[in-house]
Amino acid sequence: MTEGFDGRKRETLRRFAAVGAAAPFVGTASADDGTDENETREAIRGYVPTTPGAHFSKLRDDLRLGTGEAQYHLRKLEEAGAIESVKDADYRRFFPAGRFDATDKRALGYLRRETPRGMVLALLRDPDATGADLANALGVSRPTISAAAADLEAAGLLDRTDGYALTEPERLLTLVVRYADSFDAEAVAFADEAASLVAYDP
């Protein structure tokens, strides 16, 4: 059982390490590190830019790392200036250093939450959607929509003055399309149809 898990972990690390090795980051793993440490650190360097805004537990679980192991390598990479993190409510989210501004980071943090992401996708598809429409589309209660809407408003991503209106639709659309594979199947399907949502008027 342990041998099988270790094999899957090594395969996962190697896949992301290949991305990390090609990433134009500063702060590469030290030559003094052992092979396993190099591979783990390169895997994190590959994972973070493809899954920006992932919180600690997701990163740890996706890369099949132990808690202490993940904490150690994340700290080393932050110290080296390769990645950065921000506190988001109960989560600490990780980003490649210098890649995103504060609004991008907030937006990615909410896109990594199921209900807010579903609301954003629904509002990008139909800017006139009501709270009831959103609740029906997501299969959640109206109070759940209201609570998520309040959070999105506080983050500066939603205006509730007259219904629900995204304040940064172009930014959100770009982030969803660019990182769709790191969200879920619904985001991937949305990205596939996104061309029809973008008006081109040369």
C-alpha atoms as a PDB file:
ATOM      1  CA  MET A   1       0.000   0.000   0.000  1.00  0.00           C
ATOM      2  CA  THR A   2       2.739   2.436   1.015  1.00  0.00           C
ATOM      3  CA  GLU A   3       4.806   1.437  -2.003  1.00  0.00           C
ATOM      4  CA  GLY A   4       1.886   2.220  -4.317  1.00  0.00           C
ATOM      5  CA  PHE A   5       1.322   5.590  -2.694  1.00  0.00           C
ATOM      6  CA  ASP A   6       5.018   6.465  -2.948  1.00  0.00           C
ATOM      7  CA  GLY A   7       4.949   5.572  -6.631  1.00  0.00           C
ATOM      8  CA  ARG A   8       1.965   7.844  -7.289  1.00  0.00           C
ATOM      9  CA  LYS A   9       3.583  10.614  -5.284  1.00  0.00           C
ATOM     10  CA  ARG A  10       6.815  10.339  -7.283  1.00  0.00           C
ATOM     11  CA  GLU A  11       4.878  10.374 -10.563  1.00  0.00           C
ATOM     12  CA  THR A  12       2.949  13.474  -9.473  1.00  0.00           C
ATOM     13  CA  LEU A  13       6.090  15.267  -8.352  1.00  0.00           C
ATOM     14  CA  ARG A  14       7.923  14.458 -11.574  1.00  0.00           C
ATOM     15  CA  ARG A  15       5.039  15.762 -13.685  1.00  0.00           C
ATOM     16  CA  PHE A  16       4.971  19.135 -11.931  1.00  0.00           C
ATOM     17  CA  ALA A  17       8.766  19.218 -11.584  1.00  0.00           C
ATOM     18  CA  ALA A  18       9.015  19.152 -15.382  1.00  0.00           C
ATOM     19  CA  VAL A  19       6.894  22.308 -15.463  1.00  0.00           C
ATOM     20  CA  GLY A  20       8.874  23.846 -12.617  1.00  0.00           C
ATOM     21  CA  ALA A  21      12.204  23.205 -14.300  1.00  0.00           C
ATOM     22  CA  ALA A  22      11.062  25.168 -17.334  1.00  0.00           C
ATOM     23  CA  ALA A  23       9.452  27.974 -15.327  1.00  0.00           C
ATOM     24  CA  PRO A  24      11.161  31.383 -15.575  1.00  0.00           C
ATOM     25  CA  PHE A  25      11.346  31.787 -11.793  1.00  0.00           C
ATOM     26  CA  VAL A  26      14.128  33.069  -9.630  1.00  0.00           C
ATOM     27  CA  GLY A  27      15.183  31.081  -6.601  1.00  0.00           C
ATOM     28  CA  THR A  28      15.768  27.648  -8.068  1.00  0.00           C
ATOM     29  CA  ALA A  29      16.472  24.739  -5.772  1.00  0.00           C
ATOM     30  CA  SER A  30      19.956  24.730  -4.343  1.00  0.00           C
ATOM     31  CA  ALA A  31      22.484  22.333  -5.750  1.00  0.00           C
ATOM     32  CA  ASP A  32      23.178  21.330  -2.154  1.00  0.00           C
ATOM     33  CA  ASP A  33      19.688  19.888  -1.811  1.00  0.00           C
ATOM     34  CA  GLY A  34      19.215  16.160  -2.173  1.00  0.00           C
ATOM     35  CA  THR A  35      17.516  14.732  -5.279  1.00  0.00           C
ATOM     36  CA  ASP A  36      14.174  14.285  -3.487  1.00  0.00           C
ATOM     37  CA  GLU A  37      14.288  17.866  -2.188  1.00  0.00           C
ATOM     38  CA  ASN A  38      15.111  19.196  -5.649  1.00  0.00           C
ATOM     39  CA  GLU A  39      12.268  17.221  -7.180  1.00  0.00           C
ATOM     40  CA  THR A  40       9.765  18.310  -4.531  1.00  0.00           C
ATOM     41  CA  ARG A  41      10.745  21.947  -4.780  1.00  0.00           C
ATOM     42  CA  GLU A  42      10.651  21.930  -8.578  1.00  0.00           C
ATOM     43  CA  ALA A  43       7.223  20.260  -8.410  1.00  0.00           C
ATOM     44  CA  ILE A  44       5.916  23.095  -6.237  1.00  0.00           C
ATOM     45  CA  ARG A  45       7.487  25.639  -8.611  1.00  0.00           C
ATOM     46  CA  GLY A  46       5.627  23.935 -11.455  1.00  0.00           C
ATOM     47  CA  TYR A  47       2.344  23.604  -9.578  1.00  0.00           C
ATOM     48  CA  VAL A  48       1.958  27.162  -8.278  1.00  0.00           C
ATOM     49  CA  PRO A  49       1.881  28.990 -11.650  1.00  0.00           C
ATOM     50  CA  THR A  50      -0.546  26.450 -13.127  1.00  0.00           C
ATOM     51  CA  THR A  51      -2.827  26.582 -10.054  1.00  0.00           C
ATOM     52  CA  PRO A  52      -2.419  30.157  -8.763  1.00  0.00           C
ATOM     53  CA  GLY A  53      -4.365  30.912  -5.607  1.00  0.00           C
ATOM     54  CA  ALA A  54      -4.392  27.310  -4.422  1.00  0.00           C
ATOM     55  CA  HIS A  55      -4.455  27.137  -0.636  1.00  0.00           C
ATOM     56  CA  PHE A  56      -2.007  25.137   1.432  1.00  0.00           C
ATOM     57  CA  SER A  57      -4.142  22.014   1.906  1.00  0.00           C
ATOM     58  CA  LYS A  58      -4.965  21.734  -1.799  1.00  0.00           C
ATOM     59  CA  LEU A  59      -1.330  22.131  -2.807  1.00  0.00           C
ATOM     60  CA  ARG A  60      -0.223  19.596  -0.203  1.00  0.00           C
ATOM     61  CA  ASP A  61      -2.872  17.053  -1.218  1.00  0.00           C
ATOM     62  CA  ASP A  62      -2.512  17.518  -4.986  1.00  0.00           C
ATOM     63  CA  LEU A  63       1.247  16.969  -4.735  1.00  0.00           C
ATOM     64  CA  ARG A  64       0.816  14.135  -2.194  1.00  0.00           C
ATOM     65  CA  LEU A  65       3.129  15.813   0.302  1.00  0.00           C
ATOM     66  CA  GLY A  66       3.198  15.581   4.070  1.00  0.00           C
ATOM     67  CA  THR A  67       2.215  18.699   5.998  1.00  0.00           C
ATOM     68  CA  GLY A  68       5.711  19.349   7.344  1.00  0.00           C
ATOM     69  CA  GLU A  69       7.289  18.563   3.981  1.00  0.00           C
ATOM     70  CA  ALA A  70       5.024  21.039   2.186  1.00  0.00           C
ATOM     71  CA  GLN A  71       5.573  23.738   4.818  1.00  0.00           C
ATOM     72  CA  TYR A  72       9.358  23.340   4.618  1.00  0.00           C
ATOM     73  CA  HIS A  73       9.592  23.650   0.832  1.00  0.00           C
ATOM     74  CA  LEU A  74       7.043  26.450   0.586  1.00  0.00           C
ATOM     75  CA  ARG A  75       8.983  28.431   3.163  1.00  0.00           C
ATOM     76  CA  LYS A  76      12.240  27.880   1.263  1.00  0.00           C
ATOM     77  CA  LEU A  77      10.666  28.975  -2.017  1.00  0.00           C
ATOM     78  CA  GLU A  78       9.184  32.095  -0.415  1.00  0.00           C
ATOM     79  CA  GLU A  79      12.536  32.958   1.115  1.00  0.00           C
ATOM     80  CA  ALA A  80      14.140  32.540  -2.317  1.00  0.00           C
ATOM     81  CA  GLY A  81      11.578  34.904  -3.875  1.00  0.00           C
ATOM     82  CA  ALA A  82      10.139  32.279  -6.227  1.00  0.00           C
ATOM     83  CA  ILE A  83       6.614  32.310  -4.790  1.00  0.00           C
ATOM     84  CA  GLU A  84       4.544  34.517  -2.514  1.00  0.00           C
ATOM     85  CA  SER A  85       1.513  33.927  -0.352  1.00  0.00           C
ATOM     86  CA  VAL A  86      -1.399  35.923   0.988  1.00  0.00           C
ATOM     87  CA  LYS A  87      -3.811  35.219   3.816  1.00  0.00           C
ATOM     88  CA  ASP A  88      -7.388  34.845   2.631  1.00  0.00           C
ATOM     89  CA  ALA A  89      -9.804  34.326   5.528  1.00  0.00           C
ATOM     90  CA  ASP A  90      -8.890  30.883   6.913  1.00  0.00           C
ATOM     91  CA  TYR A  91      -6.616  30.063   3.976  1.00  0.00           C
ATOM     92  CA  ARG A  92      -3.104  30.922   2.887  1.00  0.00           C
ATOM     93  CA  ARG A  93      -2.981  31.058  -0.887  1.00  0.00           C
ATOM     94  CA  PHE A  94       0.144  30.750  -3.028  1.00  0.00           C
ATOM     95  CA  PHE A  95       1.131  32.580  -6.212  1.00  0.00           C
ATOM     96  CA  PRO A  96       4.199  32.839  -8.423  1.00  0.00           C
ATOM     97  CA  ALA A  97       6.098  35.927  -7.264  1.00  0.00           C
ATOM     98  CA  GLY A  98       5.375  39.185  -9.066  1.00  0.00           C
ATOM     99  CA  ARG A  99       2.828  37.737 -11.480  1.00  0.00           C
ATOM    100  CA  PHE A 100      -0.498  39.014 -10.074  1.00  0.00           C
ATOM    101  CA  ASP A 101      -1.718  42.274  -8.594  1.00  0.00           C
ATOM    102  CA  ALA A 102      -3.852  42.447  -5.453  1.00  0.00           C
ATOM    103  CA  THR A 103      -7.148  42.355  -7.360  1.00  0.00           C
ATOM    104  CA  ASP A 104      -6.051  39.303  -9.364  1.00  0.00           C
ATOM    105  CA  LYS A 105      -5.158  37.534  -6.122  1.00  0.00           C
ATOM    106  CA  ARG A 106      -8.533  38.330  -4.568  1.00  0.00           C
ATOM    107  CA  ALA A 107     -10.310  37.225  -7.729  1.00  0.00           C
ATOM    108  CA  LEU A 108      -8.389  33.946  -7.934  1.00  0.00           C
ATOM    109  CA  GLY A 109      -9.089  33.300  -4.258  1.00  0.00           C
ATOM    110  CA  TYR A 110     -12.834  33.554  -4.874  1.00  0.00           C
ATOM    111  CA  LEU A 111     -12.659  31.591  -8.115  1.00  0.00           C
ATOM    112  CA  ARG A 112     -11.178  28.748  -6.077  1.00  0.00           C
ATOM    113  CA  ARG A 113     -14.362  28.613  -3.949  1.00  0.00           C
ATOM    114  CA  GLU A 114     -17.186  26.585  -5.443  1.00  0.00           C
ATOM    115  CA  THR A 115     -20.193  28.860  -4.870  1.00  0.00           C
ATOM    116  CA  PRO A 116     -18.514  32.189  -5.748  1.00  0.00           C
ATOM    117  CA  ARG A 117     -16.977  30.590  -8.844  1.00  0.00           C
ATOM    118  CA  GLY A 118     -20.367  29.251  -9.911  1.00  0.00           C
ATOM    119  CA  MET A 119     -21.887  32.698  -9.424  1.00  0.00           C
ATOM    120  CA  VAL A 120     -19.155  34.347 -11.471  1.00  0.00           C
ATOM    121  CA  LEU A 121     -19.587  31.856 -14.316  1.00  0.00           C
ATOM    122  CA  ALA A 122     -23.374  32.292 -14.257  1.00  0.00           C
ATOM    123  CA  LEU A 123     -23.097  36.097 -14.289  1.00  0.00           C
ATOM    124  CA  LEU A 124     -20.557  36.039 -17.102  1.00  0.00           C
ATOM    125  CA  ARG A 125     -23.030  33.953 -19.102  1.00  0.00           C
ATOM    126  CA  ASP A 126     -26.040  36.058 -18.108  1.00  0.00           C
ATOM    127  CA  PRO A 127     -25.292  39.484 -16.551  1.00  0.00           C
ATOM    128  CA  ASP A 128     -29.016  39.911 -15.803  1.00  0.00           C
ATOM    129  CA  ALA A 129     -29.262  36.781 -13.638  1.00  0.00           C
ATOM    130  CA  THR A 130     -31.120  37.348 -10.365  1.00  0.00           C
ATOM    131  CA  GLY A 131     -30.423  35.829  -6.972  1.00  0.00           C
ATOM    132  CA  ALA A 132     -33.143  33.267  -7.630  1.00  0.00           C
ATOM    133  CA  ASP A 133     -31.615  32.452 -11.033  1.00  0.00           C
ATOM    134  CA  LEU A 134     -28.213  31.933  -9.426  1.00  0.00           C
ATOM    135  CA  ALA A 135     -29.619  29.742  -6.662  1.00  0.00           C
ATOM    136  CA  ASN A 136     -31.387  27.562  -9.226  1.00  0.00           C
ATOM    137  CA  ALA A 137     -28.360  27.352 -11.498  1.00  0.00           C
ATOM    138  CA  LEU A 138     -26.032  26.360  -8.646  1.00  0.00           C
ATOM    139  CA  GLY A 139     -28.501  24.194  -6.747  1.00  0.00           C
ATOM    140  CA  VAL A 140     -28.029  26.116  -3.497  1.00  0.00           C
ATOM    141  CA  SER A 141     -30.277  28.189  -1.246  1.00  0.00           C
ATOM    142  CA  ARG A 142     -30.916  31.918  -1.631  1.00  0.00           C
ATOM    143  CA  PRO A 143     -29.191  32.631   1.725  1.00  0.00           C
ATOM    144  CA  THR A 144     -26.081  30.823   0.406  1.00  0.00           C
ATOM    145  CA  ILE A 145     -26.128  33.066  -2.684  1.00  0.00           C
ATOM    146  CA  SER A 146     -26.645  36.166  -0.535  1.00  0.00           C
ATOM    147  CA  ALA A 147     -23.723  35.278   1.738  1.00  0.00           C
ATOM    148  CA  ALA A 148     -21.399  34.611  -1.209  1.00  0.00           C
ATOM    149  CA  ALA A 149     -22.581  37.815  -2.897  1.00  0.00           C
ATOM    150  CA  ALA A 150     -21.739  39.810   0.238  1.00  0.00           C
ATOM    151  CA  ASP A 151     -18.229  38.324   0.225  1.00  0.00           C
ATOM    152  CA  LEU A 152     -17.736  39.095  -3.473  1.00  0.00           C
ATOM    153  CA  GLU A 153     -18.966  42.647  -2.889  1.00  0.00           C
ATOM    154  CA  ALA A 154     -16.567  43.119   0.021  1.00  0.00           C
ATOM    155  CA  ALA A 155     -13.756  41.917  -2.255  1.00  0.00           C
ATOM    156  CA  GLY A 156     -14.689  44.551  -4.833  1.00  0.00           C
ATOM    157  CA  LEU A 157     -15.756  41.978  -7.411  1.00  0.00           C
ATOM    158  CA  LEU A 158     -19.546  42.443  -7.275  1.00  0.00           C
ATOM    159  CA  ASP A 159     -21.905  45.422  -7.149  1.00  0.00           C
ATOM    160  CA  ARG A 160     -25.287  44.782  -5.501  1.00  0.00           C
ATOM    161  CA  THR A 161     -26.692  48.295  -5.977  1.00  0.00           C
ATOM    162  CA  ASP A 162     -29.194  47.121  -8.570  1.00  0.00           C
ATOM    163  CA  GLY A 163     -29.237  43.340  -8.714  1.00  0.00           C
ATOM    164  CA  TYR A 164     -25.936  41.512  -9.130  1.00  0.00           C
ATOM    165  CA  ALA A 165     -23.284  42.999 -11.430  1.00  0.00           C
ATOM    166  CA  LEU A 166     -19.659  41.883 -11.728  1.00  0.00           C
ATOM    167  CA  THR A 167     -17.342  44.874 -11.355  1.00  0.00           C
ATOM    168  CA  GLU A 168     -14.403  43.212 -13.167  1.00  0.00           C
ATOM    169  CA  PRO A 169     -16.011  40.968 -15.802  1.00  0.00           C
ATOM    170  CA  GLU A 170     -13.110  41.127 -18.284  1.00  0.00           C
ATOM    171  CA  ARG A 171     -10.564  40.307 -15.604  1.00  0.00           C
ATOM    172  CA  LEU A 172     -12.651  37.441 -14.249  1.00  0.00           C
ATOM    173  CA  LEU A 173     -13.289  36.088 -17.740  1.00  0.00           C
ATOM    174  CA  THR A 174      -9.566  36.152 -18.511  1.00  0.00           C
ATOM    175  CA  LEU A 175      -8.642  34.373 -15.276  1.00  0.00           C
ATOM    176  CA  VAL A 176     -11.326  31.710 -15.706  1.00  0.00           C
ATOM    177  CA  VAL A 177     -10.289  30.961 -19.284  1.00  0.00           C
ATOM    178  CA  ARG A 178      -6.553  31.013 -18.584  1.00  0.00           C
ATOM    179  CA  TYR A 179      -6.716  28.718 -15.545  1.00  0.00           C
ATOM    180  CA  ALA A 180      -9.880  26.727 -16.346  1.00  0.00           C
ATOM    181  CA  ASP A 181      -8.095  23.380 -16.096  1.00  0.00           C
ATOM    182  CA  SER A 182      -7.156  24.131 -12.492  1.00  0.00           C
ATOM    183  CA  PHE A 183     -10.766  24.791 -11.427  1.00  0.00           C
ATOM    184  CA  ASP A 184     -13.303  22.182 -12.471  1.00  0.00           C
ATOM    185  CA  ALA A 185     -15.131  20.665 -15.437  1.00  0.00           C
ATOM    186  CA  GLU A 186     -17.690  23.471 -15.464  1.00  0.00           C
ATOM    187  CA  ALA A 187     -14.925  26.074 -15.805  1.00  0.00           C
ATOM    188  CA  VAL A 188     -13.371  24.062 -18.630  1.00  0.00           C
ATOM    189  CA  ALA A 189     -16.730  23.906 -20.427  1.00  0.00           C
ATOM    190  CA  PHE A 190     -17.158  27.640 -19.885  1.00  0.00           C
ATOM    191  CA  ALA A 191     -13.698  28.350 -21.313  1.00  0.00           C
ATOM    192  CA  ASP A 192     -14.568  26.291 -24.388  1.00  0.00           C
ATOM    193  CA  GLU A 193     -17.605  28.469 -25.062  1.00  0.00           C
ATOM    194  CA  ALA A 194     -16.004  31.774 -23.979  1.00  0.00           C
ATOM    195  CA  ALA A 195     -15.343  32.959 -27.517  1.00  0.00           C
ATOM    196  CA  SER A 196     -19.071  33.466 -27.965  1.00  0.00           C
ATOM    197  CA  LEU A 197     -19.135  35.788 -24.945  1.00  0.00           C
ATOM    198  CA  VAL A 198     -16.452  38.139 -26.260  1.00  0.00           C
ATOM    199  CA  ALA A 199     -17.557  40.787 -28.717  1.00  0.00           C
ATOM    200  CA  TYR A 200     -14.976  41.679 -31.344  1.00  0.00           C
ATOM    201  CA  ASP A 201     -15.525  44.966 -33.122  1.00  0.00           C
ATOM    202  CA  PRO A 202     -12.379  46.094 -35.007  1.00  0.00           C
END
